[in-house]
Amino acid sequence: MKDHRLFMDMESGSTVTVDLSVKLKTMRFRELADEDLFMTAQTDGNYVHWGHGRLSATFNELLQVVLMG
């Protein structure tokens, strides 16, 4: 999604929108400030990968972004 948001459709049927814009100044996610790189997001069911594996995050890690704000 635009504005550095990910829409995650969970196996349980739930959906979650993760706003990563709040993490773009952190060392962990700063590369995702590049909108072109951010838009390469893909999943293998366990991880979200950007840039063909250049950066990866687990679903649990992304859910922590939602919970911690």
PDB file of N, CA and C in Angstrom:
ATOM      1  N   MET A   1       0.840  -1.182   0.000  1.00  0.00           N
ATOM      2  CA  MET A   1       0.000   0.000   0.000  1.00  0.00           C
ATOM      3  C   MET A   1       0.889   1.250   0.000  1.00  0.00           C
ATOM      4  N   LYS A   2       0.285   2.335  -0.319  1.00  0.00           N
ATOM      5  CA  LYS A   2       1.008   3.605  -0.321  1.00  0.00           C
ATOM      6  C   LYS A   2       1.329   4.047   1.103  1.00  0.00           C
ATOM      7  N   ASP A   3       2.174   5.030   1.211  1.00  0.00           N
ATOM      8  CA  ASP A   3       2.544   5.650   2.482  1.00  0.00           C
ATOM      9  C   ASP A   3       3.172   4.667   3.466  1.00  0.00           C
ATOM     10  N   HIS A   4       3.911   3.706   2.932  1.00  0.00           N
ATOM     11  CA  HIS A   4       4.660   2.741   3.740  1.00  0.00           C
ATOM     12  C   HIS A   4       3.767   1.921   4.660  1.00  0.00           C
ATOM     13  N   ARG A   5       2.653   1.489   4.107  1.00  0.00           N
ATOM     14  CA  ARG A   5       1.746   0.613   4.845  1.00  0.00           C
ATOM     15  C   ARG A   5       1.691  -0.745   4.158  1.00  0.00           C
ATOM     16  N   LEU A   6       1.610  -1.789   4.981  1.00  0.00           N
ATOM     17  CA  LEU A   6       1.445  -3.150   4.490  1.00  0.00           C
ATOM     18  C   LEU A   6       0.070  -3.646   4.910  1.00  0.00           C
ATOM     19  N   PHE A   7      -0.618  -4.288   4.018  1.00  0.00           N
ATOM     20  CA  PHE A   7      -1.891  -4.930   4.324  1.00  0.00           C
ATOM     21  C   PHE A   7      -1.608  -6.416   4.405  1.00  0.00           C
ATOM     22  N   MET A   8      -1.845  -6.998   5.584  1.00  0.00           N
ATOM     23  CA  MET A   8      -1.560  -8.420   5.768  1.00  0.00           C
ATOM     24  C   MET A   8      -2.871  -9.170   5.960  1.00  0.00           C
ATOM     25  N   ASP A   9      -3.071 -10.169   5.144  1.00  0.00           N
ATOM     26  CA  ASP A   9      -4.241 -11.032   5.203  1.00  0.00           C
ATOM     27  C   ASP A   9      -3.795 -12.319   5.883  1.00  0.00           C
ATOM     28  N   MET A  10      -4.266 -12.559   7.096  1.00  0.00           N
ATOM     29  CA  MET A  10      -3.806 -13.686   7.905  1.00  0.00           C
ATOM     30  C   MET A  10      -4.580 -14.965   7.568  1.00  0.00           C
ATOM     31  N   GLU A  11      -3.964 -16.104   7.846  1.00  0.00           N
ATOM     32  CA  GLU A  11      -4.611 -17.395   7.609  1.00  0.00           C
ATOM     33  C   GLU A  11      -5.909 -17.537   8.401  1.00  0.00           C
ATOM     34  N   SER A  12      -6.002 -16.873   9.538  1.00  0.00           N
ATOM     35  CA  SER A  12      -7.190 -16.954  10.390  1.00  0.00           C
ATOM     36  C   SER A  12      -8.375 -16.207   9.791  1.00  0.00           C
ATOM     37  N   GLY A  13      -8.123 -15.439   8.741  1.00  0.00           N
ATOM     38  CA  GLY A  13      -9.169 -14.625   8.136  1.00  0.00           C
ATOM     39  C   GLY A  13      -9.110 -13.172   8.580  1.00  0.00           C
ATOM     40  N   SER A  14      -8.309 -12.888   9.590  1.00  0.00           N
ATOM     41  CA  SER A  14      -8.125 -11.512  10.063  1.00  0.00           C
ATOM     42  C   SER A  14      -7.240 -10.743   9.088  1.00  0.00           C
ATOM     43  N   THR A  15      -7.359  -9.452   9.117  1.00  0.00           N
ATOM     44  CA  THR A  15      -6.486  -8.596   8.329  1.00  0.00           C
ATOM     45  C   THR A  15      -5.839  -7.568   9.253  1.00  0.00           C
ATOM     46  N   VAL A  16      -4.640  -7.165   8.904  1.00  0.00           N
ATOM     47  CA  VAL A  16      -3.890  -6.189   9.690  1.00  0.00           C
ATOM     48  C   VAL A  16      -3.223  -5.227   8.725  1.00  0.00           C
ATOM     49  N   THR A  17      -3.285  -3.949   9.035  1.00  0.00           N
ATOM     50  CA  THR A  17      -2.536  -2.950   8.283  1.00  0.00           C
ATOM     51  C   THR A  17      -1.396  -2.475   9.161  1.00  0.00           C
ATOM     52  N   VAL A  18      -0.182  -2.617   8.657  1.00  0.00           N
ATOM     53  CA  VAL A  18       1.017  -2.226   9.394  1.00  0.00           C
ATOM     54  C   VAL A  18       1.538  -0.927   8.798  1.00  0.00           C
ATOM     55  N   ASP A  19       1.617   0.101   9.622  1.00  0.00           N
ATOM     56  CA  ASP A  19       2.144   1.398   9.190  1.00  0.00           C
ATOM     57  C   ASP A  19       3.626   1.456   9.541  1.00  0.00           C
ATOM     58  N   LEU A  20       4.460   1.198   8.554  1.00  0.00           N
ATOM     59  CA  LEU A  20       5.900   1.201   8.793  1.00  0.00           C
ATOM     60  C   LEU A  20       6.511   2.596   8.703  1.00  0.00           C
ATOM     61  N   SER A  21       5.726   3.602   8.383  1.00  0.00           N
ATOM     62  CA  SER A  21       6.270   4.957   8.286  1.00  0.00           C
ATOM     63  C   SER A  21       6.850   5.413   9.625  1.00  0.00           C
ATOM     64  N   VAL A  22       6.338   4.875  10.725  1.00  0.00           N
ATOM     65  CA  VAL A  22       6.836   5.252  12.053  1.00  0.00           C
ATOM     66  C   VAL A  22       8.193   4.622  12.351  1.00  0.00           C
ATOM     67  N   LYS A  23       8.639   3.679  11.529  1.00  0.00           N
ATOM     68  CA  LYS A  23       9.907   2.986  11.754  1.00  0.00           C
ATOM     69  C   LYS A  23      10.988   3.329  10.732  1.00  0.00           C
ATOM     70  N   LEU A  24      10.699   4.223   9.805  1.00  0.00           N
ATOM     71  CA  LEU A  24      11.635   4.494   8.712  1.00  0.00           C
ATOM     72  C   LEU A  24      12.922   5.177   9.150  1.00  0.00           C
ATOM     73  N   LYS A  25      12.954   5.740  10.352  1.00  0.00           N
ATOM     74  CA  LYS A  25      14.170   6.389  10.832  1.00  0.00           C
ATOM     75  C   LYS A  25      15.003   5.443  11.690  1.00  0.00           C
ATOM     76  N   THR A  26      14.532   4.210  11.863  1.00  0.00           N
ATOM     77  CA  THR A  26      15.301   3.233  12.621  1.00  0.00           C
ATOM     78  C   THR A  26      16.292   2.531  11.702  1.00  0.00           C
ATOM     79  N   MET A  27      17.376   2.071  12.271  1.00  0.00           N
ATOM     80  CA  MET A  27      18.380   1.382  11.470  1.00  0.00           C
ATOM     81  C   MET A  27      17.773   0.146  10.799  1.00  0.00           C
ATOM     82  N   ARG A  28      16.900  -0.538  11.498  1.00  0.00           N
ATOM     83  CA  ARG A  28      16.305  -1.775  10.997  1.00  0.00           C
ATOM     84  C   ARG A  28      15.514  -1.576   9.708  1.00  0.00           C
ATOM     85  N   PHE A  29      14.738  -0.494   9.631  1.00  0.00           N
ATOM     86  CA  PHE A  29      13.823  -0.305   8.509  1.00  0.00           C
ATOM     87  C   PHE A  29      14.119   0.912   7.630  1.00  0.00           C
ATOM     88  N   ARG A  30      15.218   1.589   7.846  1.00  0.00           N
ATOM     89  CA  ARG A  30      15.470   2.840   7.113  1.00  0.00           C
ATOM     90  C   ARG A  30      15.549   2.662   5.603  1.00  0.00           C
ATOM     91  N   GLU A  31      15.989   1.498   5.125  1.00  0.00           N
ATOM     92  CA  GLU A  31      16.053   1.266   3.676  1.00  0.00           C
ATOM     93  C   GLU A  31      14.672   1.341   3.032  1.00  0.00           C
ATOM     94  N   LEU A  32      13.632   1.072   3.812  1.00  0.00           N
ATOM     95  CA  LEU A  32      12.268   1.063   3.267  1.00  0.00           C
ATOM     96  C   LEU A  32      11.718   2.465   3.024  1.00  0.00           C
ATOM     97  N   ALA A  33      12.474   3.485   3.389  1.00  0.00           N
ATOM     98  CA  ALA A  33      12.069   4.848   3.053  1.00  0.00           C
ATOM     99  C   ALA A  33      12.052   5.025   1.533  1.00  0.00           C
ATOM    100  N   ASP A  34      12.825   4.205   0.846  1.00  0.00           N
ATOM    101  CA  ASP A  34      12.822   4.191  -0.622  1.00  0.00           C
ATOM    102  C   ASP A  34      11.522   3.524  -1.065  1.00  0.00           C
ATOM    103  N   GLU A  35      10.605   4.318  -1.572  1.00  0.00           N
ATOM    104  CA  GLU A  35       9.271   3.827  -1.967  1.00  0.00           C
ATOM    105  C   GLU A  35       9.356   2.692  -2.981  1.00  0.00           C
ATOM    106  N   ASP A  36      10.305   2.774  -3.905  1.00  0.00           N
ATOM    107  CA  ASP A  36      10.447   1.700  -4.904  1.00  0.00           C
ATOM    108  C   ASP A  36      10.811   0.381  -4.237  1.00  0.00           C
ATOM    109  N   LEU A  37      11.720   0.416  -3.281  1.00  0.00           N
ATOM    110  CA  LEU A  37      12.078  -0.794  -2.554  1.00  0.00           C
ATOM    111  C   LEU A  37      10.879  -1.285  -1.738  1.00  0.00           C
ATOM    112  N   PHE A  38      10.199  -0.378  -1.060  1.00  0.00           N
ATOM    113  CA  PHE A  38       9.048  -0.772  -0.239  1.00  0.00           C
ATOM    114  C   PHE A  38       8.001  -1.505  -1.068  1.00  0.00           C
ATOM    115  N   MET A  39       7.778  -1.062  -2.282  1.00  0.00           N
ATOM    116  CA  MET A  39       6.735  -1.648  -3.125  1.00  0.00           C
ATOM    117  C   MET A  39       7.109  -3.035  -3.656  1.00  0.00           C
ATOM    118  N   THR A  40       8.314  -3.536  -3.362  1.00  0.00           N
ATOM    119  CA  THR A  40       8.702  -4.878  -3.799  1.00  0.00           C
ATOM    120  C   THR A  40       8.291  -5.949  -2.791  1.00  0.00           C
ATOM    121  N   ALA A  41       7.555  -5.578  -1.743  1.00  0.00           N
ATOM    122  CA  ALA A  41       7.185  -6.516  -0.674  1.00  0.00           C
ATOM    123  C   ALA A  41       6.531  -7.777  -1.227  1.00  0.00           C
ATOM    124  N   GLN A  42       7.040  -8.911  -0.757  1.00  0.00           N
ATOM    125  CA  GLN A  42       6.484 -10.224  -1.087  1.00  0.00           C
ATOM    126  C   GLN A  42       6.570 -11.072   0.168  1.00  0.00           C
ATOM    127  N   THR A  43       5.759 -12.120   0.233  1.00  0.00           N
ATOM    128  CA  THR A  43       5.813 -13.007   1.382  1.00  0.00           C
ATOM    129  C   THR A  43       5.979 -14.452   0.950  1.00  0.00           C
ATOM    130  N   ASP A  44       6.571 -15.225   1.852  1.00  0.00           N
ATOM    131  CA  ASP A  44       6.667 -16.666   1.647  1.00  0.00           C
ATOM    132  C   ASP A  44       5.773 -17.394   2.657  1.00  0.00           C
ATOM    133  N   GLY A  45       4.956 -16.652   3.365  1.00  0.00           N
ATOM    134  CA  GLY A  45       4.075 -17.221   4.379  1.00  0.00           C
ATOM    135  C   GLY A  45       4.610 -17.072   5.791  1.00  0.00           C
ATOM    136  N   ASN A  46       5.901 -16.878   5.926  1.00  0.00           N
ATOM    137  CA  ASN A  46       6.518 -16.680   7.239  1.00  0.00           C
ATOM    138  C   ASN A  46       7.181 -15.317   7.384  1.00  0.00           C
ATOM    139  N   TYR A  47       7.679 -14.823   6.279  1.00  0.00           N
ATOM    140  CA  TYR A  47       8.405 -13.551   6.263  1.00  0.00           C
ATOM    141  C   TYR A  47       7.839 -12.653   5.175  1.00  0.00           C
ATOM    142  N   VAL A  48       8.051 -11.343   5.359  1.00  0.00           N
ATOM    143  CA  VAL A  48       7.852 -10.385   4.277  1.00  0.00           C
ATOM    144  C   VAL A  48       9.258 -10.013   3.828  1.00  0.00           C
ATOM    145  N   HIS A  49       9.496 -10.096   2.534  1.00  0.00           N
ATOM    146  CA  HIS A  49      10.803  -9.792   1.951  1.00  0.00           C
ATOM    147  C   HIS A  49      10.667  -8.573   1.032  1.00  0.00           C
ATOM    148  N   TRP A  50      11.667  -7.740   1.062  1.00  0.00           N
ATOM    149  CA  TRP A  50      11.748  -6.597   0.151  1.00  0.00           C
ATOM    150  C   TRP A  50      13.029  -6.726  -0.654  1.00  0.00           C
ATOM    151  N   GLY A  51      12.979  -6.308  -1.897  1.00  0.00           N
ATOM    152  CA  GLY A  51      14.182  -6.318  -2.739  1.00  0.00           C
ATOM    153  C   GLY A  51      14.743  -7.707  -2.925  1.00  0.00           C
ATOM    154  N   HIS A  52      13.873  -8.691  -3.133  1.00  0.00           N
ATOM    155  CA  HIS A  52      14.291 -10.087  -3.362  1.00  0.00           C
ATOM    156  C   HIS A  52      15.184 -10.605  -2.240  1.00  0.00           C
ATOM    157  N   GLY A  53      14.794 -10.304  -0.992  1.00  0.00           N
ATOM    158  CA  GLY A  53      15.532 -10.800   0.167  1.00  0.00           C
ATOM    159  C   GLY A  53      16.547  -9.836   0.736  1.00  0.00           C
ATOM    160  N   ARG A  54      16.665  -8.676   0.149  1.00  0.00           N
ATOM    161  CA  ARG A  54      17.608  -7.673   0.656  1.00  0.00           C
ATOM    162  C   ARG A  54      17.283  -7.314   2.104  1.00  0.00           C
ATOM    163  N   LEU A  55      15.981  -7.267   2.423  1.00  0.00           N
ATOM    164  CA  LEU A  55      15.509  -6.999   3.780  1.00  0.00           C
ATOM    165  C   LEU A  55      14.326  -7.916   4.027  1.00  0.00           C
ATOM    166  N   SER A  56      14.281  -8.525   5.204  1.00  0.00           N
ATOM    167  CA  SER A  56      13.186  -9.429   5.554  1.00  0.00           C
ATOM    168  C   SER A  56      12.732  -9.155   6.973  1.00  0.00           C
ATOM    169  N   ALA A  57      11.455  -9.402   7.232  1.00  0.00           N
ATOM    170  CA  ALA A  57      10.894  -9.265   8.575  1.00  0.00           C
ATOM    171  C   ALA A  57       9.859 -10.359   8.778  1.00  0.00           C
ATOM    172  N   THR A  58       9.803 -10.903   9.987  1.00  0.00           N
ATOM    173  CA  THR A  58       8.799 -11.917  10.299  1.00  0.00           C
ATOM    174  C   THR A  58       7.445 -11.242  10.506  1.00  0.00           C
ATOM    175  N   PHE A  59       6.388 -12.026  10.375  1.00  0.00           N
ATOM    176  CA  PHE A  59       5.069 -11.483  10.656  1.00  0.00           C
ATOM    177  C   PHE A  59       4.973 -11.028  12.101  1.00  0.00           C
ATOM    178  N   ASN A  60       5.573 -11.780  13.024  1.00  0.00           N
ATOM    179  CA  ASN A  60       5.542 -11.381  14.431  1.00  0.00           C
ATOM    180  C   ASN A  60       6.231 -10.035  14.648  1.00  0.00           C
ATOM    181  N   GLU A  61       7.331  -9.820  13.969  1.00  0.00           N
ATOM    182  CA  GLU A  61       8.046  -8.539  14.084  1.00  0.00           C
ATOM    183  C   GLU A  61       7.162  -7.404  13.569  1.00  0.00           C
ATOM    184  N   LEU A  62       6.471  -7.643  12.473  1.00  0.00           N
ATOM    185  CA  LEU A  62       5.593  -6.612  11.918  1.00  0.00           C
ATOM    186  C   LEU A  62       4.376  -6.380  12.807  1.00  0.00           C
ATOM    187  N   LEU A  63       3.874  -7.419  13.441  1.00  0.00           N
ATOM    188  CA  LEU A  63       2.751  -7.246  14.368  1.00  0.00           C
ATOM    189  C   LEU A  63       3.174  -6.435  15.586  1.00  0.00           C
ATOM    190  N   GLN A  64       4.425  -6.549  15.999  1.00  0.00           N
ATOM    191  CA  GLN A  64       4.921  -5.739  17.097  1.00  0.00           C
ATOM    192  C   GLN A  64       4.896  -4.254  16.764  1.00  0.00           C
ATOM    193  N   VAL A  65       5.116  -3.925  15.497  1.00  0.00           N
ATOM    194  CA  VAL A  65       5.022  -2.527  15.059  1.00  0.00           C
ATOM    195  C   VAL A  65       3.609  -2.016  15.298  1.00  0.00           C
ATOM    196  N   VAL A  66       2.617  -2.866  14.998  1.00  0.00           N
ATOM    197  CA  VAL A  66       1.218  -2.491  15.192  1.00  0.00           C
ATOM    198  C   VAL A  66       0.929  -2.305  16.681  1.00  0.00           C
ATOM    199  N   LEU A  67       1.373  -3.245  17.485  1.00  0.00           N
ATOM    200  CA  LEU A  67       1.071  -3.224  18.914  1.00  0.00           C
ATOM    201  C   LEU A  67       1.798  -2.109  19.670  1.00  0.00           C
ATOM    202  N   MET A  68       3.018  -1.816  19.253  1.00  0.00           N
ATOM    203  CA  MET A  68       3.820  -0.803  19.934  1.00  0.00           C
ATOM    204  C   MET A  68       3.604   0.598  19.376  1.00  0.00           C
ATOM    205  N   GLY A  69       3.050   0.652  18.157  1.00  0.00           N
ATOM    206  CA  GLY A  69       2.801   1.953  17.547  1.00  0.00           C
ATOM    207  C   GLY A  69       4.025   2.611  17.222  1.00  0.00           C
TER     208      GLY A  69
END
